[in-house]
Amino acid sequence: MARSEKSGFKGNKSFLPSKLCVACGREMTWRKSWEKNWESIKYCSDACRLKKPSSHQAGVL
């Protein structure tokens, strides 16, 4: 059985959930490694995590 058959993922990312990075606004598509904590993912990269938005910007988003 192929890997994609086990997970149900057929290679089309348009069917995966996505959200926006709170630091840069880039769209992040769900990853298998984020499966258990998808709700808590806020940043698309370590660089964005280090440059967290300041408190006055948090109210705007």
Protein backbone atom coordinates (compact mmCIF):
# COMPACT_ATOMS: atom_id res chain seq x y z
CA MET A 1 0.00 0.00 0.00
CA ALA A 2 1.43 3.39 -0.95
CA ARG A 3 1.94 6.09 1.65
CA SER A 4 -0.75 8.35 0.15
CA GLU A 5 -3.31 5.55 0.34
CA LYS A 6 -2.86 5.23 4.13
CA SER A 7 -3.44 8.90 4.90
CA GLY A 8 -6.09 9.59 2.28
CA PHE A 9 -3.99 12.46 0.87
CA LYS A 10 -3.91 12.25 -2.92
CA GLY A 11 -1.30 14.96 -3.59
CA ASN A 12 -3.64 17.93 -4.05
CA LYS A 13 -2.85 20.56 -1.41
CA SER A 14 -6.02 22.53 -2.19
CA PHE A 15 -7.96 20.08 0.00
CA LEU A 16 -5.70 20.57 3.05
CA PRO A 17 -6.55 23.14 5.74
CA SER A 18 -4.53 26.35 5.78
CA LYS A 19 -4.09 29.47 7.90
CA LEU A 20 -2.15 32.72 7.81
CA CYS A 21 1.11 33.37 9.66
CA VAL A 22 0.49 36.03 12.32
CA ALA A 23 3.89 37.66 11.68
CA CYS A 24 4.09 37.93 7.88
CA GLY A 25 0.62 36.97 6.63
CA ARG A 26 1.90 34.12 4.42
CA GLU A 27 -0.50 31.23 3.95
CA MET A 28 0.58 28.00 5.66
CA THR A 29 -0.79 24.68 4.45
CA TRP A 30 -1.29 21.85 6.93
CA ARG A 31 1.64 19.47 7.38
CA LYS A 32 1.68 15.96 8.78
CA SER A 33 4.24 17.05 11.40
CA TRP A 34 1.73 19.66 12.68
CA GLU A 35 -1.09 17.11 12.97
CA LYS A 36 -1.21 16.97 16.80
CA ASN A 37 -0.85 20.73 17.40
CA TRP A 38 -2.32 22.39 14.29
CA GLU A 39 -4.53 24.66 16.41
CA SER A 40 -1.49 26.15 18.18
CA ILE A 41 0.61 26.79 15.05
CA LYS A 42 0.91 30.56 14.52
CA TYR A 43 4.14 31.13 12.58
CA CYS A 44 5.32 29.85 9.20
CA SER A 45 9.01 29.74 10.13
CA ASP A 46 11.54 30.20 12.91
CA ALA A 47 12.33 33.65 11.48
CA CYS A 48 8.70 34.73 11.88
CA ARG A 49 8.54 33.23 15.36
CA LEU A 50 11.53 35.39 16.37
CA LYS A 51 9.99 38.58 14.96
CA LYS A 52 6.61 38.19 16.67
CA PRO A 53 4.23 41.08 16.01
CA SER A 54 4.27 43.82 18.62
CA SER A 55 1.30 44.19 20.96
CA HIS A 56 -0.24 47.12 19.03
CA GLN A 57 -0.26 45.06 15.81
CA ALA A 58 -1.92 42.06 17.50
CA GLY A 59 -5.17 44.00 17.87
CA VAL A 60 -5.22 44.86 14.16
CA LEU A 61 -4.99 41.23 13.00
